[in-house]
Amino acid sequence: MKTILLIEDEPTLQKTLSSALTQEGYEIKSALDGEIGLRLAREIKPDLILLDLILPKLDGFEVLGELKKDGPLKDVPIIVLTNLESAPDIERALSLGATSYLVKANYDLKDVIEKIKNNIK
């Protein structure tokens, strides 16, 4: 079973995504802030990470930078799922190593699941 780490500080969205992805057969681990997310990523070495950028403690950009420096985690696909839509934010996340960048308002759950299926090894 593939494991997805969901780093998202919005409990409602976290619950919705977790439920949908569990139904798709994935094991879901969740973190409500960047610090816990980074620690969990190092502990469980997930197959894919869904990462919000606006997070308490460590923001998503910092988490992304740390993950991509971490030997065993640097090849884990990271899909950014955020409300930040500006070109500089998108460029920054992709240059830090994000696999995909999804703006929450522009994608529904089916699109997100499809993107995960296309990126998980």
C-alpha atoms as a PDB file:
ATOM      1  CA  MET A   1       0.000   0.000   0.000  1.00  0.00           C
ATOM      2  CA  LYS A   2       1.335   3.424  -0.973  1.00  0.00           C
ATOM      3  CA  THR A   3       1.619   6.060   1.730  1.00  0.00           C
ATOM      4  CA  ILE A   4       0.751   9.712   1.169  1.00  0.00           C
ATOM      5  CA  LEU A   5       1.773  12.397   3.629  1.00  0.00           C
ATOM      6  CA  LEU A   6      -0.736  15.239   3.709  1.00  0.00           C
ATOM      7  CA  ILE A   7       0.694  18.471   5.138  1.00  0.00           C
ATOM      8  CA  GLU A   8      -2.320  20.766   5.353  1.00  0.00           C
ATOM      9  CA  ASP A   9      -3.391  23.094   8.171  1.00  0.00           C
ATOM     10  CA  GLU A  10      -7.066  23.274   7.236  1.00  0.00           C
ATOM     11  CA  PRO A  11      -8.796  20.420   9.151  1.00  0.00           C
ATOM     12  CA  THR A  12     -11.840  20.244   6.851  1.00  0.00           C
ATOM     13  CA  LEU A  13      -9.758  19.896   3.702  1.00  0.00           C
ATOM     14  CA  GLN A  14      -7.432  17.446   5.427  1.00  0.00           C
ATOM     15  CA  LYS A  15     -10.394  15.266   6.409  1.00  0.00           C
ATOM     16  CA  THR A  16     -11.931  15.419   2.905  1.00  0.00           C
ATOM     17  CA  LEU A  17      -8.658  14.547   1.158  1.00  0.00           C
ATOM     18  CA  SER A  18      -7.799  11.809   3.661  1.00  0.00           C
ATOM     19  CA  SER A  19     -11.183  10.188   3.250  1.00  0.00           C
ATOM     20  CA  ALA A  20     -11.096  10.317  -0.562  1.00  0.00           C
ATOM     21  CA  LEU A  21      -7.529   8.999  -0.775  1.00  0.00           C
ATOM     22  CA  THR A  22      -8.196   6.209   1.736  1.00  0.00           C
ATOM     23  CA  GLN A  23     -11.088   5.088  -0.484  1.00  0.00           C
ATOM     24  CA  GLU A  24      -8.613   4.999  -3.389  1.00  0.00           C
ATOM     25  CA  GLY A  25      -6.499   2.536  -1.395  1.00  0.00           C
ATOM     26  CA  TYR A  26      -3.765   4.836  -0.072  1.00  0.00           C
ATOM     27  CA  GLU A  27      -2.534   5.012   3.491  1.00  0.00           C
ATOM     28  CA  ILE A  28      -2.714   8.618   4.694  1.00  0.00           C
ATOM     29  CA  LYS A  29      -0.558  10.293   7.307  1.00  0.00           C
ATOM     30  CA  SER A  30      -1.418  13.876   8.213  1.00  0.00           C
ATOM     31  CA  ALA A  31       0.295  16.911   9.690  1.00  0.00           C
ATOM     32  CA  LEU A  32      -1.294  20.242  10.546  1.00  0.00           C
ATOM     33  CA  ASP A  33       1.935  22.273  10.404  1.00  0.00           C
ATOM     34  CA  GLY A  34       5.223  22.298   8.534  1.00  0.00           C
ATOM     35  CA  GLU A  35       7.344  21.225  11.501  1.00  0.00           C
ATOM     36  CA  ILE A  36       5.325  18.063  12.170  1.00  0.00           C
ATOM     37  CA  GLY A  37       5.098  17.415   8.426  1.00  0.00           C
ATOM     38  CA  LEU A  38       8.858  17.487   8.017  1.00  0.00           C
ATOM     39  CA  ARG A  39       9.385  15.222  11.021  1.00  0.00           C
ATOM     40  CA  LEU A  40       6.748  12.753   9.787  1.00  0.00           C
ATOM     41  CA  ALA A  41       8.245  12.726   6.276  1.00  0.00           C
ATOM     42  CA  ARG A  42      11.606  11.722   7.728  1.00  0.00           C
ATOM     43  CA  GLU A  43      10.032   9.049   9.928  1.00  0.00           C
ATOM     44  CA  ILE A  44       7.739   7.354   7.423  1.00  0.00           C
ATOM     45  CA  LYS A  45       9.394   8.138   4.057  1.00  0.00           C
ATOM     46  CA  PRO A  46       6.077   8.450   2.171  1.00  0.00           C
ATOM     47  CA  ASP A  47       5.589   7.577  -1.495  1.00  0.00           C
ATOM     48  CA  LEU A  48       4.176  11.050  -2.181  1.00  0.00           C
ATOM     49  CA  ILE A  49       3.645  14.296  -0.258  1.00  0.00           C
ATOM     50  CA  LEU A  50       0.724  16.694  -0.676  1.00  0.00           C
ATOM     51  CA  LEU A  51       1.946  20.029   0.643  1.00  0.00           C
ATOM     52  CA  ASP A  52       0.183  23.294   1.414  1.00  0.00           C
ATOM     53  CA  LEU A  53       2.413  26.389   1.337  1.00  0.00           C
ATOM     54  CA  ILE A  54       0.669  28.529   3.947  1.00  0.00           C
ATOM     55  CA  LEU A  55       1.418  26.583   7.127  1.00  0.00           C
ATOM     56  CA  PRO A  56       2.110  27.376  10.777  1.00  0.00           C
ATOM     57  CA  LYS A  57       5.628  26.967  12.227  1.00  0.00           C
ATOM     58  CA  LEU A  58       7.458  26.169   8.951  1.00  0.00           C
ATOM     59  CA  ASP A  59       5.865  27.306   5.709  1.00  0.00           C
ATOM     60  CA  GLY A  60       5.590  25.008   2.714  1.00  0.00           C
ATOM     61  CA  PHE A  61       8.543  26.606   0.925  1.00  0.00           C
ATOM     62  CA  GLU A  62      10.801  25.843   3.898  1.00  0.00           C
ATOM     63  CA  VAL A  63       9.461  22.285   4.142  1.00  0.00           C
ATOM     64  CA  LEU A  64      10.002  21.789   0.413  1.00  0.00           C
ATOM     65  CA  GLY A  65      13.568  23.075   0.611  1.00  0.00           C
ATOM     66  CA  GLU A  66      14.382  20.789   3.550  1.00  0.00           C
ATOM     67  CA  LEU A  67      12.808  17.726   1.920  1.00  0.00           C
ATOM     68  CA  LYS A  68      14.747  18.199  -1.303  1.00  0.00           C
ATOM     69  CA  LYS A  69      18.039  18.448   0.652  1.00  0.00           C
ATOM     70  CA  ASP A  70      17.273  15.225   2.543  1.00  0.00           C
ATOM     71  CA  GLY A  71      18.982  12.279   0.781  1.00  0.00           C
ATOM     72  CA  PRO A  72      16.314   9.582   1.198  1.00  0.00           C
ATOM     73  CA  LEU A  73      13.452  12.033   0.575  1.00  0.00           C
ATOM     74  CA  LYS A  74      14.773  14.102  -2.302  1.00  0.00           C
ATOM     75  CA  ASP A  75      13.144  11.867  -4.943  1.00  0.00           C
ATOM     76  CA  VAL A  76       9.709  11.708  -3.287  1.00  0.00           C
ATOM     77  CA  PRO A  77       7.156  13.464  -5.526  1.00  0.00           C
ATOM     78  CA  ILE A  78       5.729  16.564  -3.860  1.00  0.00           C
ATOM     79  CA  ILE A  79       2.465  18.024  -5.094  1.00  0.00           C
ATOM     80  CA  VAL A  80       1.869  21.543  -3.835  1.00  0.00           C
ATOM     81  CA  LEU A  81      -1.825  22.186  -3.141  1.00  0.00           C
ATOM     82  CA  THR A  82      -2.318  25.804  -2.114  1.00  0.00           C
ATOM     83  CA  ASN A  83      -4.288  29.014  -2.516  1.00  0.00           C
ATOM     84  CA  LEU A  84      -1.206  30.973  -3.639  1.00  0.00           C
ATOM     85  CA  GLU A  85      -1.664  31.750  -7.329  1.00  0.00           C
ATOM     86  CA  SER A  86       1.078  34.235  -8.164  1.00  0.00           C
ATOM     87  CA  ALA A  87       3.674  33.362 -10.776  1.00  0.00           C
ATOM     88  CA  PRO A  88       6.607  34.042  -8.388  1.00  0.00           C
ATOM     89  CA  ASP A  89       5.145  31.599  -5.820  1.00  0.00           C
ATOM     90  CA  ILE A  90       4.625  28.944  -8.483  1.00  0.00           C
ATOM     91  CA  GLU A  91       8.145  29.447  -9.889  1.00  0.00           C
ATOM     92  CA  ARG A  92       9.675  29.347  -6.413  1.00  0.00           C
ATOM     93  CA  ALA A  93       7.915  26.087  -5.483  1.00  0.00           C
ATOM     94  CA  LEU A  94       8.848  24.415  -8.761  1.00  0.00           C
ATOM     95  CA  SER A  95      12.454  25.619  -8.520  1.00  0.00           C
ATOM     96  CA  LEU A  96      12.631  24.156  -4.999  1.00  0.00           C
ATOM     97  CA  GLY A  97      11.642  20.794  -6.437  1.00  0.00           C
ATOM     98  CA  ALA A  98       7.838  20.513  -6.362  1.00  0.00           C
ATOM     99  CA  THR A  99       6.588  17.940  -8.872  1.00  0.00           C
ATOM    100  CA  SER A 100       3.286  19.732  -9.501  1.00  0.00           C
ATOM    101  CA  TYR A 101       1.602  22.925  -8.365  1.00  0.00           C
ATOM    102  CA  LEU A 102      -2.170  22.953  -7.915  1.00  0.00           C
ATOM    103  CA  VAL A 103      -4.178  25.996  -6.862  1.00  0.00           C
ATOM    104  CA  LYS A 104      -6.995  24.756  -4.601  1.00  0.00           C
ATOM    105  CA  ALA A 105      -9.668  26.946  -6.176  1.00  0.00           C
ATOM    106  CA  ASN A 106      -8.889  25.624  -9.674  1.00  0.00           C
ATOM    107  CA  TYR A 107      -9.018  21.880  -9.010  1.00  0.00           C
ATOM    108  CA  ASP A 108     -11.670  19.555  -7.700  1.00  0.00           C
ATOM    109  CA  LEU A 109     -11.030  16.388  -5.728  1.00  0.00           C
ATOM    110  CA  LYS A 110     -11.075  14.153  -8.823  1.00  0.00           C
ATOM    111  CA  ASP A 111      -8.351  16.263 -10.454  1.00  0.00           C
ATOM    112  CA  VAL A 112      -6.188  16.086  -7.339  1.00  0.00           C
ATOM    113  CA  ILE A 113      -6.589  12.293  -7.103  1.00  0.00           C
ATOM    114  CA  GLU A 114      -5.759  11.936 -10.788  1.00  0.00           C
ATOM    115  CA  LYS A 115      -2.610  14.041 -10.339  1.00  0.00           C
ATOM    116  CA  ILE A 116      -1.576  11.850  -7.382  1.00  0.00           C
ATOM    117  CA  LYS A 117      -2.091   8.642  -9.387  1.00  0.00           C
ATOM    118  CA  ASN A 118       0.054  10.061 -12.190  1.00  0.00           C
ATOM    119  CA  ASN A 119       2.906  10.941  -9.820  1.00  0.00           C
ATOM    120  CA  ILE A 120       3.041   8.089  -7.330  1.00  0.00           C
ATOM    121  CA  LYS A 121       5.546   5.349  -8.028  1.00  0.00           C
END
